[in-house]
N, C-alpha and C. Protein backbone atom coordinates (compact mmCIF):
# COMPACT_ATOMS: atom_id res chain seq x y z
N MET A 1 0.81 -1.20 0.00
CA MET A 1 0.00 0.00 0.00
C MET A 1 0.85 1.26 0.00
N LYS A 2 1.88 1.27 0.84
CA LYS A 2 2.77 2.42 0.94
C LYS A 2 3.51 2.65 -0.38
N GLU A 3 3.95 1.55 -1.01
CA GLU A 3 4.65 1.66 -2.30
C GLU A 3 3.74 2.21 -3.39
N LYS A 4 2.47 1.83 -3.34
CA LYS A 4 1.50 2.32 -4.32
C LYS A 4 1.30 3.83 -4.17
N ILE A 5 1.21 4.30 -2.94
CA ILE A 5 1.04 5.73 -2.68
C ILE A 5 2.27 6.50 -3.16
N ILE A 6 3.46 5.98 -2.84
CA ILE A 6 4.71 6.64 -3.28
C ILE A 6 4.79 6.66 -4.80
N SER A 7 4.42 5.55 -5.43
CA SER A 7 4.44 5.47 -6.89
C SER A 7 3.46 6.48 -7.50
N GLU A 8 2.28 6.60 -6.90
CA GLU A 8 1.29 7.55 -7.41
C GLU A 8 1.78 8.99 -7.22
N ILE A 9 2.38 9.30 -6.09
CA ILE A 9 2.92 10.64 -5.84
C ILE A 9 4.01 10.95 -6.86
N LEU A 10 4.89 9.99 -7.13
CA LEU A 10 5.95 10.19 -8.12
C LEU A 10 5.38 10.43 -9.52
N GLU A 11 4.32 9.74 -9.88
CA GLU A 11 3.67 9.95 -11.17
C GLU A 11 3.09 11.36 -11.27
N TRP A 12 2.45 11.81 -10.18
CA TRP A 12 1.91 13.16 -10.14
C TRP A 12 3.03 14.21 -10.25
N LEU A 13 4.11 14.00 -9.52
CA LEU A 13 5.24 14.93 -9.58
C LEU A 13 5.85 14.96 -10.98
N LYS A 14 5.94 13.80 -11.61
CA LYS A 14 6.47 13.74 -12.98
C LYS A 14 5.56 14.51 -13.95
N ALA A 15 4.24 14.31 -13.81
CA ALA A 15 3.29 15.01 -14.68
C ALA A 15 3.37 16.52 -14.46
N ILE A 16 3.47 16.94 -13.21
CA ILE A 16 3.59 18.37 -12.91
C ILE A 16 4.88 18.94 -13.48
N ALA A 17 5.99 18.21 -13.33
CA ALA A 17 7.28 18.67 -13.87
C ALA A 17 7.23 18.80 -15.38
N ILE A 18 6.62 17.82 -16.05
CA ILE A 18 6.51 17.88 -17.52
C ILE A 18 5.65 19.08 -17.92
N ALA A 19 4.54 19.32 -17.23
CA ALA A 19 3.68 20.46 -17.54
C ALA A 19 4.41 21.78 -17.34
N LEU A 20 5.22 21.88 -16.28
CA LEU A 20 5.98 23.11 -16.03
C LEU A 20 7.02 23.34 -17.12
N VAL A 21 7.70 22.28 -17.54
CA VAL A 21 8.72 22.41 -18.60
C VAL A 21 8.05 22.83 -19.91
N ILE A 22 6.93 22.19 -20.25
CA ILE A 22 6.22 22.56 -21.48
C ILE A 22 5.74 24.01 -21.39
N GLY A 23 5.19 24.39 -20.24
CA GLY A 23 4.74 25.77 -20.07
C GLY A 23 5.87 26.76 -20.20
N PHE A 24 7.03 26.44 -19.63
CA PHE A 24 8.19 27.33 -19.72
C PHE A 24 8.65 27.47 -21.17
N ILE A 25 8.72 26.36 -21.89
CA ILE A 25 9.15 26.40 -23.29
C ILE A 25 8.15 27.19 -24.13
N LEU A 26 6.86 26.94 -23.92
CA LEU A 26 5.85 27.68 -24.67
C LEU A 26 5.93 29.17 -24.38
N ASN A 27 6.19 29.55 -23.14
CA ASN A 27 6.28 30.95 -22.76
C ASN A 27 7.43 31.66 -23.47
N ILE A 28 8.46 30.93 -23.83
CA ILE A 28 9.59 31.52 -24.56
C ILE A 28 9.17 31.89 -25.98
N PHE A 29 8.31 31.07 -26.59
CA PHE A 29 7.97 31.25 -28.00
C PHE A 29 6.61 31.88 -28.27
N VAL A 30 5.64 31.70 -27.37
CA VAL A 30 4.31 32.24 -27.60
C VAL A 30 3.79 32.96 -26.37
N SER A 31 2.81 33.81 -26.61
CA SER A 31 2.17 34.56 -25.55
C SER A 31 0.73 34.82 -26.00
N ALA A 32 -0.09 35.31 -25.10
CA ALA A 32 -1.46 35.67 -25.46
C ALA A 32 -1.69 37.13 -25.09
N THR A 33 -2.60 37.78 -25.80
CA THR A 33 -2.96 39.16 -25.49
C THR A 33 -4.42 39.38 -25.84
N ASN A 34 -5.01 40.39 -25.22
CA ASN A 34 -6.40 40.77 -25.48
C ASN A 34 -6.42 42.06 -26.27
N VAL A 35 -7.48 42.24 -27.05
CA VAL A 35 -7.71 43.49 -27.77
C VAL A 35 -8.64 44.34 -26.93
N TYR A 36 -8.22 45.57 -26.58
CA TYR A 36 -8.99 46.42 -25.68
C TYR A 36 -9.58 47.66 -26.34
N ASN A 37 -9.25 47.91 -27.60
CA ASN A 37 -9.79 49.13 -28.20
C ASN A 37 -10.22 48.86 -29.64
N ILE A 38 -10.61 49.91 -30.33
CA ILE A 38 -11.19 49.77 -31.67
C ILE A 38 -10.20 50.11 -32.78
N SER A 39 -8.94 50.32 -32.46
CA SER A 39 -7.99 50.80 -33.46
C SER A 39 -7.67 49.79 -34.57
N MET A 40 -8.00 48.51 -34.37
CA MET A 40 -7.73 47.52 -35.41
C MET A 40 -9.01 46.99 -36.07
N GLU A 41 -10.17 47.65 -35.81
CA GLU A 41 -11.39 47.22 -36.49
C GLU A 41 -11.27 47.45 -37.98
N ASN A 42 -11.80 46.68 -38.79
CA ASN A 42 -12.66 45.54 -38.63
C ASN A 42 -11.89 44.23 -38.51
N THR A 43 -10.59 44.28 -38.64
CA THR A 43 -9.79 43.06 -38.56
C THR A 43 -9.90 42.43 -37.18
N LEU A 44 -9.74 43.22 -36.14
CA LEU A 44 -9.84 42.75 -34.76
C LEU A 44 -10.87 43.58 -34.02
N LYS A 45 -11.55 42.97 -33.07
CA LYS A 45 -12.57 43.66 -32.30
C LYS A 45 -12.21 43.64 -30.82
N GLN A 46 -12.78 44.58 -30.06
CA GLN A 46 -12.60 44.58 -28.61
C GLN A 46 -13.03 43.22 -28.07
N GLY A 47 -12.20 42.66 -27.19
CA GLY A 47 -12.52 41.37 -26.60
C GLY A 47 -11.86 40.19 -27.29
N ASP A 48 -11.34 40.39 -28.49
CA ASP A 48 -10.62 39.29 -29.15
C ASP A 48 -9.41 38.90 -28.32
N VAL A 49 -9.09 37.62 -28.30
CA VAL A 49 -7.88 37.12 -27.65
C VAL A 49 -6.99 36.55 -28.73
N LEU A 50 -5.72 36.99 -28.73
CA LEU A 50 -4.77 36.61 -29.78
C LEU A 50 -3.61 35.81 -29.21
N ILE A 51 -3.08 34.92 -30.02
CA ILE A 51 -1.83 34.22 -29.71
C ILE A 51 -0.73 34.92 -30.49
N LEU A 52 0.36 35.25 -29.78
CA LEU A 52 1.50 35.94 -30.37
C LEU A 52 2.67 34.99 -30.50
N LEU A 53 3.37 35.07 -31.61
CA LEU A 53 4.64 34.38 -31.79
C LEU A 53 5.74 35.37 -31.42
N LYS A 54 6.51 35.05 -30.37
CA LYS A 54 7.48 36.01 -29.83
C LYS A 54 8.81 35.99 -30.58
N LYS A 55 9.08 34.95 -31.34
CA LYS A 55 10.34 34.85 -32.08
C LYS A 55 10.02 34.88 -33.57
N GLY A 56 10.99 35.27 -34.37
CA GLY A 56 10.79 35.25 -35.82
C GLY A 56 10.88 36.63 -36.43
N SER A 57 10.77 36.66 -37.73
CA SER A 57 10.92 37.92 -38.46
C SER A 57 9.65 38.75 -38.38
N ILE A 58 9.82 40.06 -38.56
CA ILE A 58 8.71 41.01 -38.60
C ILE A 58 8.67 41.57 -40.02
N ASN A 59 7.51 41.46 -40.66
CA ASN A 59 7.37 41.88 -42.04
C ASN A 59 6.20 42.84 -42.21
N ARG A 60 6.22 43.58 -43.30
CA ARG A 60 5.12 44.49 -43.62
C ARG A 60 3.82 43.69 -43.67
N GLY A 61 2.79 44.22 -43.05
CA GLY A 61 1.49 43.57 -43.03
C GLY A 61 1.24 42.75 -41.77
N ASP A 62 2.30 42.41 -41.02
CA ASP A 62 2.12 41.65 -39.79
C ASP A 62 1.37 42.50 -38.75
N ILE A 63 0.53 41.85 -37.97
CA ILE A 63 -0.14 42.50 -36.85
C ILE A 63 0.68 42.15 -35.61
N VAL A 64 1.13 43.19 -34.90
CA VAL A 64 2.02 42.97 -33.76
C VAL A 64 1.46 43.60 -32.49
N SER A 65 1.89 43.06 -31.36
CA SER A 65 1.66 43.68 -30.07
C SER A 65 2.96 44.36 -29.68
N LEU A 66 2.87 45.58 -29.16
CA LEU A 66 4.08 46.33 -28.85
C LEU A 66 3.92 47.13 -27.57
N LYS A 67 5.03 47.40 -26.94
CA LYS A 67 5.06 48.22 -25.73
C LYS A 67 5.06 49.69 -26.15
N SER A 68 4.28 50.50 -25.44
CA SER A 68 4.26 51.93 -25.73
C SER A 68 4.65 52.70 -24.47
N ASP A 69 4.75 54.01 -24.61
CA ASP A 69 5.01 54.88 -23.47
C ASP A 69 3.73 55.56 -22.99
N ILE A 70 2.58 55.12 -23.49
CA ILE A 70 1.29 55.71 -23.13
C ILE A 70 0.75 55.03 -21.88
N PRO A 71 0.43 55.80 -20.83
CA PRO A 71 -0.14 55.19 -19.62
C PRO A 71 -1.48 54.51 -19.91
N ILE A 72 -1.76 53.42 -19.20
CA ILE A 72 -3.02 52.69 -19.37
C ILE A 72 -4.21 53.59 -19.04
N GLY A 73 -4.14 54.29 -17.93
CA GLY A 73 -5.24 55.17 -17.53
C GLY A 73 -6.41 54.39 -16.96
N ASP A 74 -7.31 55.10 -16.32
CA ASP A 74 -8.45 54.48 -15.64
C ASP A 74 -9.39 53.75 -16.60
N TYR A 75 -9.68 54.37 -17.76
CA TYR A 75 -10.63 53.76 -18.69
C TYR A 75 -10.16 52.38 -19.13
N ASN A 76 -8.92 52.28 -19.64
CA ASN A 76 -8.41 50.99 -20.11
C ASN A 76 -8.18 50.02 -18.96
N TYR A 77 -7.80 50.53 -17.79
CA TYR A 77 -7.61 49.68 -16.61
C TYR A 77 -8.92 48.97 -16.25
N ASN A 78 -10.02 49.70 -16.34
CA ASN A 78 -11.33 49.12 -16.00
C ASN A 78 -11.78 48.07 -17.00
N LEU A 79 -11.17 48.01 -18.18
CA LEU A 79 -11.50 46.98 -19.18
C LEU A 79 -10.78 45.66 -18.88
N LEU A 80 -9.77 45.69 -18.01
CA LEU A 80 -9.01 44.47 -17.70
C LEU A 80 -9.84 43.51 -16.86
N ASN A 81 -9.54 42.20 -16.99
CA ASN A 81 -10.21 41.23 -16.12
C ASN A 81 -9.53 41.24 -14.75
N SER A 82 -10.12 40.55 -13.79
CA SER A 82 -9.63 40.57 -12.40
C SER A 82 -8.18 40.10 -12.29
N PHE A 83 -7.82 39.06 -13.00
CA PHE A 83 -6.45 38.55 -12.95
C PHE A 83 -5.47 39.59 -13.49
N GLN A 84 -5.81 40.24 -14.60
CA GLN A 84 -4.93 41.26 -15.19
C GLN A 84 -4.78 42.45 -14.25
N LYS A 85 -5.83 42.80 -13.54
CA LYS A 85 -5.77 43.93 -12.61
C LYS A 85 -4.82 43.66 -11.45
N LEU A 86 -4.65 42.38 -11.08
CA LEU A 86 -3.73 42.04 -9.99
C LEU A 86 -2.29 42.43 -10.31
N LYS A 87 -1.91 42.36 -11.59
CA LYS A 87 -0.53 42.65 -11.96
C LYS A 87 -0.37 43.95 -12.73
N THR A 88 -1.41 44.80 -12.70
CA THR A 88 -1.40 46.04 -13.47
C THR A 88 -1.93 47.17 -12.61
N ASN A 89 -1.45 48.39 -12.88
CA ASN A 89 -2.07 49.57 -12.28
C ASN A 89 -2.24 50.64 -13.36
N PRO A 90 -3.11 51.61 -13.13
CA PRO A 90 -3.42 52.60 -14.18
C PRO A 90 -2.21 53.42 -14.66
N ASN A 91 -1.11 53.44 -13.90
CA ASN A 91 0.07 54.19 -14.33
C ASN A 91 1.02 53.37 -15.20
N ASP A 92 0.77 52.05 -15.32
CA ASP A 92 1.58 51.21 -16.20
C ASP A 92 1.42 51.68 -17.65
N LYS A 93 2.32 51.27 -18.50
CA LYS A 93 2.26 51.64 -19.91
C LYS A 93 1.43 50.63 -20.69
N MET A 94 0.73 51.11 -21.72
CA MET A 94 -0.14 50.26 -22.54
C MET A 94 0.66 49.43 -23.54
N ASN A 95 0.18 48.23 -23.78
CA ASN A 95 0.61 47.46 -24.95
C ASN A 95 -0.40 47.76 -26.04
N LEU A 96 0.09 48.03 -27.24
CA LEU A 96 -0.77 48.34 -28.37
C LEU A 96 -0.74 47.19 -29.37
N ILE A 97 -1.78 47.08 -30.18
CA ILE A 97 -1.82 46.12 -31.28
C ILE A 97 -1.99 46.93 -32.56
N LYS A 98 -1.02 46.79 -33.45
CA LYS A 98 -1.01 47.57 -34.70
C LYS A 98 -0.50 46.70 -35.84
N ARG A 99 -0.62 47.23 -37.05
CA ARG A 99 -0.12 46.55 -38.25
C ARG A 99 1.19 47.20 -38.68
N ILE A 100 2.17 46.38 -39.05
CA ILE A 100 3.43 46.89 -39.59
C ILE A 100 3.17 47.42 -41.00
N ILE A 101 3.45 48.69 -41.20
CA ILE A 101 3.27 49.31 -42.51
C ILE A 101 4.62 49.58 -43.16
N GLY A 102 5.56 50.13 -42.40
CA GLY A 102 6.89 50.43 -42.93
C GLY A 102 7.97 49.68 -42.18
N VAL A 103 8.93 49.17 -42.92
CA VAL A 103 10.05 48.42 -42.34
C VAL A 103 11.33 49.24 -42.54
N PRO A 104 12.41 48.87 -41.85
CA PRO A 104 13.65 49.64 -41.99
C PRO A 104 14.05 49.87 -43.45
N GLY A 105 14.40 51.12 -43.74
CA GLY A 105 14.81 51.50 -45.10
C GLY A 105 13.70 52.07 -45.95
N ASP A 106 12.44 51.88 -45.56
CA ASP A 106 11.31 52.37 -46.34
C ASP A 106 11.16 53.87 -46.25
N LYS A 107 10.68 54.45 -47.34
CA LYS A 107 10.22 55.84 -47.38
C LYS A 107 8.70 55.78 -47.25
N ILE A 108 8.15 56.56 -46.31
CA ILE A 108 6.70 56.56 -46.05
C ILE A 108 6.14 57.95 -46.30
N GLU A 109 5.07 58.01 -47.08
CA GLU A 109 4.33 59.26 -47.28
C GLU A 109 2.85 58.98 -47.09
N ILE A 110 2.19 59.88 -46.39
CA ILE A 110 0.74 59.82 -46.25
C ILE A 110 0.20 61.19 -46.62
N HIS A 111 -0.66 61.22 -47.63
CA HIS A 111 -1.34 62.45 -48.03
C HIS A 111 -2.56 62.10 -48.87
N ASP A 112 -3.51 63.00 -48.88
CA ASP A 112 -4.75 62.83 -49.64
C ASP A 112 -5.45 61.51 -49.33
N GLY A 113 -5.33 61.03 -48.08
CA GLY A 113 -6.01 59.81 -47.67
C GLY A 113 -5.33 58.52 -48.08
N ASN A 114 -4.14 58.62 -48.67
CA ASN A 114 -3.44 57.42 -49.16
C ASN A 114 -2.08 57.26 -48.51
N VAL A 115 -1.60 56.03 -48.50
CA VAL A 115 -0.27 55.68 -47.99
C VAL A 115 0.60 55.31 -49.19
N TYR A 116 1.81 55.88 -49.22
CA TYR A 116 2.78 55.56 -50.27
C TYR A 116 4.03 55.00 -49.60
N ILE A 117 4.48 53.87 -50.09
CA ILE A 117 5.71 53.27 -49.59
C ILE A 117 6.69 53.23 -50.74
N ASN A 118 7.84 53.85 -50.52
CA ASN A 118 8.89 53.93 -51.55
C ASN A 118 8.32 54.44 -52.87
N ASP A 119 7.51 55.51 -52.76
CA ASP A 119 6.91 56.22 -53.89
C ASP A 119 5.82 55.45 -54.63
N SER A 120 5.37 54.31 -54.10
CA SER A 120 4.28 53.55 -54.72
C SER A 120 3.07 53.53 -53.79
N LEU A 121 1.88 53.69 -54.38
CA LEU A 121 0.64 53.63 -53.62
C LEU A 121 0.54 52.26 -52.96
N TYR A 122 0.27 52.23 -51.66
CA TYR A 122 0.16 50.98 -50.92
C TYR A 122 -1.31 50.62 -50.79
N LYS A 123 -1.73 49.55 -51.41
CA LYS A 123 -3.13 49.11 -51.40
C LYS A 123 -3.42 48.36 -50.11
N GLU A 124 -4.47 48.78 -49.40
CA GLU A 124 -4.82 48.17 -48.12
C GLU A 124 -6.33 47.94 -48.06
N ALA A 125 -6.76 46.74 -48.42
CA ALA A 125 -8.18 46.41 -48.44
C ALA A 125 -8.78 46.30 -47.04
N TYR A 126 -7.95 46.14 -46.02
CA TYR A 126 -8.42 45.91 -44.67
C TYR A 126 -8.76 47.18 -43.90
N ILE A 127 -8.47 48.36 -44.45
CA ILE A 127 -8.73 49.62 -43.73
C ILE A 127 -10.24 49.80 -43.55
N LYS A 128 -10.66 50.12 -42.33
CA LYS A 128 -12.08 50.20 -42.00
C LYS A 128 -12.83 51.22 -42.85
N ASP A 129 -12.36 52.43 -42.93
CA ASP A 129 -13.08 53.47 -43.66
C ASP A 129 -12.47 53.78 -45.02
N GLY A 130 -11.49 53.01 -45.45
CA GLY A 130 -10.90 53.18 -46.76
C GLY A 130 -10.00 54.38 -46.93
N THR A 131 -9.69 55.08 -45.85
CA THR A 131 -8.86 56.27 -45.95
C THR A 131 -7.91 56.36 -44.76
N THR A 132 -6.79 57.03 -44.99
CA THR A 132 -5.81 57.24 -43.92
C THR A 132 -5.68 58.74 -43.71
N ASN A 133 -6.05 59.20 -42.51
CA ASN A 133 -5.95 60.63 -42.23
C ASN A 133 -4.52 61.00 -41.83
N GLY A 134 -4.23 62.28 -41.92
CA GLY A 134 -2.91 62.76 -41.53
C GLY A 134 -2.01 63.01 -42.73
N GLU A 135 -0.93 63.74 -42.45
CA GLU A 135 0.09 64.05 -43.45
C GLU A 135 1.43 63.62 -42.87
N ILE A 136 2.10 62.70 -43.52
CA ILE A 136 3.39 62.18 -43.06
C ILE A 136 4.37 62.16 -44.22
N TYR A 137 5.56 62.58 -43.96
CA TYR A 137 6.65 62.40 -44.92
C TYR A 137 7.87 61.94 -44.13
N LEU A 138 8.28 60.73 -44.38
CA LEU A 138 9.42 60.14 -43.70
C LEU A 138 10.37 59.60 -44.77
N GLU A 139 11.50 60.25 -44.94
CA GLU A 139 12.44 59.91 -46.00
C GLU A 139 12.95 58.48 -45.90
N LYS A 140 13.28 58.04 -44.68
CA LYS A 140 13.80 56.68 -44.53
C LYS A 140 13.61 56.22 -43.08
N ILE A 141 12.99 55.04 -42.92
CA ILE A 141 12.84 54.46 -41.59
C ILE A 141 14.21 53.93 -41.18
N PRO A 142 14.73 54.38 -40.03
CA PRO A 142 16.05 53.93 -39.59
C PRO A 142 16.09 52.43 -39.31
N GLU A 143 17.26 51.87 -39.41
CA GLU A 143 17.47 50.45 -39.13
C GLU A 143 16.95 50.12 -37.73
N GLY A 144 16.27 48.98 -37.59
CA GLY A 144 15.78 48.53 -36.29
C GLY A 144 14.49 49.19 -35.85
N ASN A 145 13.82 49.96 -36.73
CA ASN A 145 12.57 50.65 -36.40
C ASN A 145 11.48 50.30 -37.40
N TYR A 146 10.22 50.45 -36.95
CA TYR A 146 9.07 50.11 -37.78
C TYR A 146 8.02 51.21 -37.68
N PHE A 147 7.27 51.40 -38.76
CA PHE A 147 6.15 52.34 -38.80
C PHE A 147 4.88 51.50 -38.73
N VAL A 148 4.04 51.76 -37.70
CA VAL A 148 2.84 50.96 -37.48
C VAL A 148 1.59 51.83 -37.52
N MET A 149 0.48 51.23 -37.95
CA MET A 149 -0.81 51.92 -37.92
C MET A 149 -1.91 50.91 -37.61
N GLY A 150 -2.99 51.39 -37.01
CA GLY A 150 -4.18 50.57 -36.82
C GLY A 150 -4.97 50.51 -38.11
N ASP A 151 -5.79 49.49 -38.27
CA ASP A 151 -6.62 49.36 -39.47
C ASP A 151 -7.79 50.34 -39.45
N ASN A 152 -8.19 50.80 -38.28
CA ASN A 152 -9.25 51.79 -38.12
C ASN A 152 -8.56 53.16 -38.03
N ARG A 153 -8.08 53.63 -39.17
CA ARG A 153 -7.19 54.79 -39.23
C ARG A 153 -7.75 56.05 -38.61
N LEU A 154 -9.06 56.21 -38.62
CA LEU A 154 -9.65 57.42 -38.07
C LEU A 154 -9.70 57.38 -36.54
N HIS A 155 -9.44 56.20 -35.95
CA HIS A 155 -9.50 56.03 -34.50
C HIS A 155 -8.32 55.21 -33.99
N SER A 156 -7.13 55.56 -34.42
CA SER A 156 -5.94 54.81 -34.02
C SER A 156 -4.81 55.77 -33.67
N GLU A 157 -4.27 55.60 -32.49
CA GLU A 157 -3.05 56.33 -32.13
C GLU A 157 -1.90 55.40 -32.47
N ASP A 158 -1.07 55.82 -33.41
CA ASP A 158 -0.04 54.94 -33.95
C ASP A 158 1.18 55.75 -34.36
N SER A 159 1.98 55.27 -35.29
CA SER A 159 3.22 55.96 -35.67
C SER A 159 3.00 57.35 -36.24
N ARG A 160 1.78 57.68 -36.62
CA ARG A 160 1.48 59.04 -37.07
C ARG A 160 1.49 60.02 -35.91
N SER A 161 1.39 59.51 -34.69
CA SER A 161 1.32 60.33 -33.48
C SER A 161 2.70 60.45 -32.84
N ALA A 162 3.00 61.63 -32.31
CA ALA A 162 4.27 61.84 -31.60
C ALA A 162 4.35 60.98 -30.34
N ARG A 163 3.19 60.64 -29.75
CA ARG A 163 3.20 59.80 -28.53
C ARG A 163 3.62 58.37 -28.82
N VAL A 164 3.48 57.94 -30.06
CA VAL A 164 3.85 56.56 -30.43
C VAL A 164 5.11 56.59 -31.30
N GLY A 165 5.05 57.27 -32.43
CA GLY A 165 6.21 57.39 -33.32
C GLY A 165 6.67 56.07 -33.89
N LEU A 166 7.91 56.05 -34.36
CA LEU A 166 8.50 54.81 -34.88
C LEU A 166 8.71 53.84 -33.72
N ILE A 167 8.59 52.56 -34.00
CA ILE A 167 8.69 51.54 -32.97
C ILE A 167 10.01 50.78 -33.11
N PRO A 168 10.89 50.86 -32.09
CA PRO A 168 12.12 50.06 -32.11
C PRO A 168 11.77 48.57 -32.01
N LYS A 169 12.52 47.74 -32.69
CA LYS A 169 12.24 46.30 -32.71
C LYS A 169 12.14 45.71 -31.30
N GLU A 170 12.95 46.20 -30.36
CA GLU A 170 12.92 45.63 -29.00
C GLU A 170 11.62 45.92 -28.26
N LYS A 171 10.78 46.84 -28.77
CA LYS A 171 9.48 47.11 -28.14
C LYS A 171 8.37 46.22 -28.70
N ILE A 172 8.70 45.44 -29.73
CA ILE A 172 7.69 44.53 -30.30
C ILE A 172 7.68 43.26 -29.47
N ILE A 173 6.52 42.96 -28.88
CA ILE A 173 6.36 41.79 -28.03
C ILE A 173 6.25 40.53 -28.87
N GLY A 174 5.47 40.60 -29.93
CA GLY A 174 5.30 39.44 -30.79
C GLY A 174 4.34 39.71 -31.92
N LYS A 175 4.33 38.78 -32.86
CA LYS A 175 3.48 38.85 -34.05
C LYS A 175 2.23 38.02 -33.80
N SER A 176 1.05 38.60 -34.07
CA SER A 176 -0.21 37.89 -33.89
C SER A 176 -0.35 36.84 -34.98
N ILE A 177 -0.61 35.60 -34.56
CA ILE A 177 -0.73 34.53 -35.55
C ILE A 177 -2.10 33.86 -35.53
N LEU A 178 -2.84 34.03 -34.42
CA LEU A 178 -4.09 33.30 -34.28
C LEU A 178 -5.03 34.04 -33.34
N ARG A 179 -6.31 34.15 -33.75
CA ARG A 179 -7.35 34.65 -32.85
C ARG A 179 -8.01 33.41 -32.25
N ILE A 180 -8.05 33.32 -30.90
CA ILE A 180 -8.63 32.14 -30.26
C ILE A 180 -9.95 32.45 -29.54
N TRP A 181 -10.32 33.72 -29.47
CA TRP A 181 -11.58 34.10 -28.85
C TRP A 181 -12.12 35.33 -29.53
N PRO A 182 -13.39 35.42 -29.76
CA PRO A 182 -14.46 34.50 -29.41
C PRO A 182 -14.42 33.25 -30.30
N LEU A 183 -15.04 32.19 -29.81
CA LEU A 183 -14.97 30.90 -30.50
C LEU A 183 -15.53 30.96 -31.92
N ASN A 184 -16.54 31.77 -32.14
CA ASN A 184 -17.12 31.85 -33.49
C ASN A 184 -16.24 32.64 -34.47
N ARG A 185 -15.14 33.22 -33.98
CA ARG A 185 -14.23 33.98 -34.86
C ARG A 185 -12.81 33.42 -34.83
N ILE A 186 -12.61 32.20 -34.35
CA ILE A 186 -11.28 31.60 -34.35
C ILE A 186 -10.75 31.61 -35.77
N SER A 187 -9.54 32.13 -35.93
CA SER A 187 -8.94 32.19 -37.27
C SER A 187 -7.47 32.54 -37.18
N THR A 188 -6.76 32.19 -38.24
CA THR A 188 -5.37 32.65 -38.35
C THR A 188 -5.41 34.11 -38.78
N LEU A 189 -4.35 34.83 -38.48
CA LEU A 189 -4.27 36.24 -38.87
C LEU A 189 -3.26 36.37 -39.98
N LYS A 190 -3.76 36.50 -41.19
CA LYS A 190 -2.90 36.60 -42.37
C LYS A 190 -2.77 38.05 -42.76
N LYS A 191 -1.78 38.32 -43.58
CA LYS A 191 -1.54 39.69 -44.06
C LYS A 191 -2.63 40.09 -45.03
C-alpha cells in the first residue's frame, strides 16, 4: 500500500514537472494578449484574444503587439479582467496592437487619404473606412525601427502620433498569428 502511494505521488510529480517544462518552453515562444480598443477594427474587435509568436521575423502587413510609453489610464484599466488587474495599475504603460506598414529602409508618405511606400501607392483592403488621415513624410525608416498603424485609421493612435512614433524592434512583443476568442471567430491572422 505504501509503495503504491509513493508510486502515485511520483507519477503526479512527474506530470507536474513535464507540464511546467512545457509551459516554460511555450512561454519563450508564444504569448497571449487581449484586444482592448477599436484601433484595429474591422480586422480585430474589442474582446478578441490573440496568440502571439514572440520569435521570428517582422514583415510588412504583420499584426504585432508592442510596448508603448502611453499610460493605461483608468478607462483601459477598467477593461481588464480581475487577474490582469492584480498585476497592473493605471500608471503602467499600454501594450498596443497595430499593423506593420513600414520596415527599416522604407520611405513613407501619407497624403490625400493614401499611404505611399517607396513612392508607390500601398493598397490596403483591410482599412475600416478606406482612408488614412494625416500628413506624413518620412524619407527613410532607420534600421531597427518600424512604422505601425491601426486598421481603423480614423480612431488609431499609432506611428502618425508623436506619442507613439517609430517603434524600435525591441518594443515589439510578438506577431499575432491566431485569434482564439471568441470561439465563433477563431482564425489565423494573415496579411
